């Protein structure tokens, strides 16, 4: 199962999903798009935002239910996007799993504004409210993942663990998911900012959960690719400005 964020460009997103189709045969639509393709859609759906929510989930296992939710609040640049979460229920070898993929409010400047965290908190509250209202059996696992835009080991991080009712994972691999020193895309766009850990995959505590849960950041690099704009060529060696996080567990 893969959670993807920031699929805002229609053409490139369709190409990416098509290229992954042979491995991940079951795919949701992108959040904020094609309401009729979802089993249910809720939240602030009938709005006039400029772009979609950019979240999709890909699965090797059959998707039994797929829903989208658009957050009530968003501000700054994020107010133009239908940010929210995608929920799926999958069947893995006869066992149901529930997965929520999201992309929370981003900071609106190089210095975080207090309202950024306030909006993220309200969005997390909507996730928890949704989980409670689903009445998911306690013996079925609930996973929450995505770009949370919350820095690890901060007071907001600990508030997030409490608000989402998730266990803190152990961490391994690369020390940052958004690295302005190692990642060529992040470095170009934000050369003056320090690297940050912003992306997580959590397991919810009110339902069955493993004793050990790990988040591993993969420092993956691509072949060099270029973009030419206004006569200048930019060269990159990364797939994204964020590194992927892989979750694993043991009993």
Protein backbone atom coordinates (compact mmCIF):
# COMPACT_ATOMS: atom_id res chain seq x y z
CA UNK A 1 0.00 0.00 0.00
CA UNK A 2 1.34 3.44 -0.96
CA UNK A 3 0.08 6.88 0.06
CA UNK A 4 0.98 9.65 -2.39
CA UNK A 5 0.74 13.40 -1.73
CA UNK A 6 0.79 16.52 -3.90
CA UNK A 7 -0.64 14.99 -7.07
CA UNK A 8 -1.86 18.39 -8.22
CA UNK A 9 -0.88 18.17 -11.89
CA UNK A 10 -3.43 16.09 -13.79
CA UNK A 11 -1.21 14.88 -16.64
CA UNK A 12 1.84 13.84 -14.60
CA UNK A 13 -0.34 12.29 -11.88
CA UNK A 14 -2.17 10.14 -14.43
CA UNK A 15 1.14 9.02 -15.91
CA UNK A 16 2.58 8.14 -12.50
CA UNK A 17 -0.47 6.11 -11.50
CA UNK A 18 -0.52 4.31 -14.85
CA UNK A 19 3.16 3.38 -14.51
CA UNK A 20 2.45 1.87 -11.08
CA UNK A 21 -0.68 0.02 -12.19
CA UNK A 22 1.05 -3.32 -12.77
CA UNK A 23 2.33 -3.41 -9.17
CA UNK A 24 -0.53 -1.59 -7.44
CA UNK A 25 -3.62 -2.73 -9.30
CA UNK A 26 -6.11 -1.09 -6.94
CA UNK A 27 -6.03 2.72 -6.89
CA UNK A 28 -8.27 5.45 -5.50
CA UNK A 29 -9.02 8.64 -7.39
CA UNK A 30 -7.15 11.75 -6.29
CA UNK A 31 -8.79 13.55 -3.37
CA UNK A 32 -10.91 16.53 -4.37
CA UNK A 33 -11.68 15.04 -7.79
CA UNK A 34 -14.48 13.01 -9.36
CA UNK A 35 -16.97 12.82 -6.52
CA UNK A 36 -18.99 10.11 -8.28
CA UNK A 37 -16.02 7.70 -8.20
CA UNK A 38 -16.04 7.51 -4.39
CA UNK A 39 -18.26 5.31 -2.25
CA UNK A 40 -18.79 8.35 -0.03
CA UNK A 41 -17.61 11.96 0.08
CA UNK A 42 -17.91 14.24 3.09
CA UNK A 43 -16.59 17.39 4.70
CA UNK A 44 -16.33 20.68 2.82
CA UNK A 45 -16.98 19.08 -0.59
CA UNK A 46 -19.03 21.76 -2.42
CA UNK A 47 -16.37 24.48 -2.47
CA UNK A 48 -14.73 26.53 -5.19
CA UNK A 49 -11.09 25.67 -4.53
CA UNK A 50 -8.62 26.08 -7.39
CA UNK A 51 -6.95 22.67 -7.18
CA UNK A 52 -7.58 19.17 -5.89
CA UNK A 53 -6.36 17.73 -2.58
CA UNK A 54 -3.47 15.81 -4.13
CA UNK A 55 -3.83 12.58 -2.10
CA UNK A 56 -4.27 9.09 -3.51
CA UNK A 57 -3.73 5.57 -2.16
CA UNK A 58 -2.44 2.63 -4.19
CA UNK A 59 -2.89 -0.96 -3.03
CA UNK A 60 -1.86 -4.49 -3.99
CA UNK A 61 -5.00 -5.77 -2.29
CA UNK A 62 -8.66 -5.23 -3.21
CA UNK A 63 -10.17 -1.95 -1.99
CA UNK A 64 -13.50 -2.75 -0.35
CA UNK A 65 -14.45 0.86 0.45
CA UNK A 66 -13.02 4.22 -0.64
CA UNK A 67 -14.06 7.61 0.71
CA UNK A 68 -12.79 11.16 0.54
CA UNK A 69 -13.06 13.95 3.08
CA UNK A 70 -12.30 17.64 2.47
CA UNK A 71 -11.20 19.56 5.55
CA UNK A 72 -13.35 22.38 6.87
CA UNK A 73 -10.39 24.70 7.46
CA UNK A 74 -7.40 25.78 5.40
CA UNK A 75 -5.64 29.09 5.11
CA UNK A 76 -2.98 30.89 3.06
CA UNK A 77 -1.90 29.00 -0.05
CA UNK A 78 -3.58 25.84 1.24
CA UNK A 79 -6.95 27.59 1.16
CA UNK A 80 -6.81 27.19 -2.63
CA UNK A 81 -6.62 23.37 -2.44
CA UNK A 82 -9.24 20.80 -1.49
CA UNK A 83 -7.02 19.37 1.22
CA UNK A 84 -8.40 16.48 3.18
CA UNK A 85 -7.91 12.74 3.53
CA UNK A 86 -8.56 9.55 1.62
CA UNK A 87 -9.91 6.54 3.51
CA UNK A 88 -9.82 2.98 2.23
CA UNK A 89 -10.70 -0.41 3.64
CA UNK A 90 -8.71 -3.22 2.09
CA UNK A 91 -8.85 -6.98 2.31
CA UNK A 92 -5.43 -8.54 2.85
CA UNK A 93 -5.67 -12.31 2.91
CA UNK A 94 -9.12 -12.17 4.48
CA UNK A 95 -8.21 -9.57 7.13
CA UNK A 96 -9.63 -6.03 6.83
CA UNK A 97 -7.29 -3.04 7.24
CA UNK A 98 -8.28 0.62 7.37
CA UNK A 99 -5.93 3.24 5.93
CA UNK A 100 -6.18 7.03 6.00
CA UNK A 101 -3.85 9.05 3.79
CA UNK A 102 -3.65 12.80 4.27
CA UNK A 103 -1.69 16.02 3.73
CA UNK A 104 -2.17 18.52 6.54
CA UNK A 105 -1.94 22.32 6.43
CA UNK A 106 1.53 23.51 5.45
CA UNK A 107 3.36 26.49 6.92
CA UNK A 108 2.67 29.65 4.96
CA UNK A 109 6.12 31.17 5.29
CA UNK A 110 9.65 30.25 6.31
CA UNK A 111 8.57 31.06 9.87
CA UNK A 112 5.68 29.02 11.13
CA UNK A 113 2.61 31.09 12.01
CA UNK A 114 0.55 30.02 15.07
CA UNK A 115 -2.48 29.63 12.81
CA UNK A 116 -0.70 26.87 10.85
CA UNK A 117 -0.67 24.60 13.90
CA UNK A 118 -4.23 25.62 14.83
CA UNK A 119 -5.53 24.57 11.42
CA UNK A 120 -3.56 21.31 11.52
CA UNK A 121 -5.08 20.55 14.90
CA UNK A 122 -8.60 21.09 13.56
CA UNK A 123 -7.82 18.79 10.63
CA UNK A 124 -6.55 16.06 12.95
CA UNK A 125 -9.75 16.42 14.96
CA UNK A 126 -11.72 15.71 11.78
CA UNK A 127 -9.68 12.54 11.23
CA UNK A 128 -10.39 11.27 14.73
CA UNK A 129 -14.07 12.17 14.48
CA UNK A 130 -14.29 10.18 11.26
CA UNK A 131 -12.63 7.14 12.86
CA UNK A 132 -15.03 7.24 15.81
CA UNK A 133 -18.06 7.54 13.56
CA UNK A 134 -16.98 4.54 11.45
CA UNK A 135 -17.31 2.20 14.46
CA UNK A 136 -14.43 0.09 13.19
CA UNK A 137 -14.14 -3.27 15.01
CA UNK A 138 -11.37 -3.22 17.61
CA UNK A 139 -9.64 -6.23 16.05
CA UNK A 140 -9.03 -4.36 12.76
CA UNK A 141 -5.95 -2.16 12.32
CA UNK A 142 -6.25 1.56 11.52
CA UNK A 143 -3.26 3.24 9.84
CA UNK A 144 -2.83 7.01 9.37
CA UNK A 145 -0.09 8.37 7.12
CA UNK A 146 1.08 11.26 5.00
CA UNK A 147 2.80 14.63 5.10
CA UNK A 148 1.67 15.94 8.48
CA UNK A 149 3.76 19.12 8.26
CA UNK A 150 4.61 18.63 11.95
CA UNK A 151 8.26 18.57 12.99
CA UNK A 152 9.37 15.55 14.99
CA UNK A 153 10.32 16.04 18.64
CA UNK A 154 8.42 19.30 19.06
CA UNK A 155 5.48 20.10 21.33
CA UNK A 156 3.21 19.99 18.28
CA UNK A 157 4.49 16.49 17.49
CA UNK A 158 3.54 15.23 20.96
CA UNK A 159 0.16 16.96 20.67
CA UNK A 160 -0.34 15.18 17.34
CA UNK A 161 0.32 11.78 18.91
CA UNK A 162 -2.29 12.52 21.55
CA UNK A 163 -4.87 14.03 19.23
CA UNK A 164 -4.68 11.24 16.65
CA UNK A 165 -4.42 8.64 19.45
CA UNK A 166 -1.41 7.00 17.82
CA UNK A 167 1.65 5.33 19.28
CA UNK A 168 5.04 6.97 18.67
CA UNK A 169 6.94 4.84 16.16
CA UNK A 170 10.62 4.04 16.32
CA UNK A 171 12.63 5.83 13.65
CA UNK A 172 15.35 4.55 11.36
CA UNK A 173 17.00 5.37 8.06
CA UNK A 174 17.69 8.92 6.90
CA UNK A 175 17.16 11.47 9.71
CA UNK A 176 14.86 13.79 7.72
CA UNK A 177 11.98 13.42 5.28
CA UNK A 178 12.42 16.96 3.90
CA UNK A 179 16.15 17.60 3.62
CA UNK A 180 17.30 21.01 2.39
CA UNK A 181 20.92 19.86 2.50
CA UNK A 182 20.76 16.49 0.68
CA UNK A 183 17.63 16.75 -1.48
CA UNK A 184 18.29 18.72 -4.67
CA UNK A 185 14.69 19.94 -5.05
CA UNK A 186 14.22 21.03 -1.43
CA UNK A 187 17.68 22.60 -1.40
CA UNK A 188 16.98 24.71 -4.47
CA UNK A 189 13.61 25.97 -3.21
CA UNK A 190 14.55 26.54 0.45
CA UNK A 191 18.36 26.84 0.74
CA UNK A 192 18.18 28.79 4.02
CA UNK A 193 15.93 26.41 5.95
CA UNK A 194 17.10 23.52 8.09
CA UNK A 195 16.14 19.90 7.25
CA UNK A 196 12.94 18.67 8.90
CA UNK A 197 11.12 15.42 9.66
CA UNK A 198 7.50 15.97 8.54
CA UNK A 199 6.11 12.69 7.17
CA UNK A 200 4.81 9.76 9.21
CA UNK A 201 2.89 6.50 9.10
CA UNK A 202 1.10 5.85 12.39
CA UNK A 203 -1.03 3.05 13.79
CA UNK A 204 -4.03 4.04 15.88
CA UNK A 205 -4.10 2.81 19.50
CA UNK A 206 -7.85 2.30 19.98
CA UNK A 207 -7.73 -0.65 17.59
CA UNK A 208 -5.47 -3.66 17.27
CA UNK A 209 -1.87 -2.52 16.90
CA UNK A 210 1.54 -4.20 16.86
CA UNK A 211 3.93 -4.03 19.77
CA UNK A 212 6.65 -2.50 17.61
CA UNK A 213 6.06 -0.05 14.76
CA UNK A 214 8.90 1.52 12.77
CA UNK A 215 9.14 4.40 10.30
CA UNK A 216 12.14 4.17 7.97
CA UNK A 217 13.10 7.09 5.73
CA UNK A 218 14.62 5.99 2.42
CA UNK A 219 17.28 8.33 1.00
CA UNK A 220 16.42 7.48 -2.60
CA UNK A 221 17.81 9.33 -5.59
CA UNK A 222 16.79 9.33 -9.24
CA UNK A 223 18.75 9.58 -12.43
CA UNK A 224 19.46 13.20 -13.29
CA UNK A 225 16.55 15.03 -14.90
CA UNK A 226 16.24 18.61 -16.07
CA UNK A 227 13.69 21.39 -16.32
CA UNK A 228 14.24 24.39 -18.58
CA UNK A 229 12.47 27.66 -17.80
CA UNK A 230 13.13 31.12 -19.22
CA UNK A 231 16.31 29.91 -20.88
CA UNK A 232 17.76 28.39 -17.70
CA UNK A 233 18.19 24.65 -17.13
CA UNK A 234 17.69 23.20 -13.64
CA UNK A 235 19.17 19.78 -12.81
CA UNK A 236 17.85 17.45 -10.12
CA UNK A 237 18.61 13.94 -8.86
CA UNK A 238 15.58 13.28 -6.67
CA UNK A 239 12.11 11.89 -7.30
CA UNK A 240 10.45 14.36 -4.95
CA UNK A 241 11.25 17.12 -2.49
CA UNK A 242 10.30 14.67 0.29
CA UNK A 243 11.88 11.27 0.88
CA UNK A 244 9.59 8.23 1.21
CA UNK A 245 8.72 6.72 4.58
CA UNK A 246 8.28 2.94 4.89
CA UNK A 247 6.40 1.46 7.86
CA UNK A 248 7.08 -2.00 9.26
CA UNK A 249 5.98 -3.85 12.37
CA UNK A 250 6.57 -6.89 14.53
CA UNK A 251 4.46 -8.44 17.26
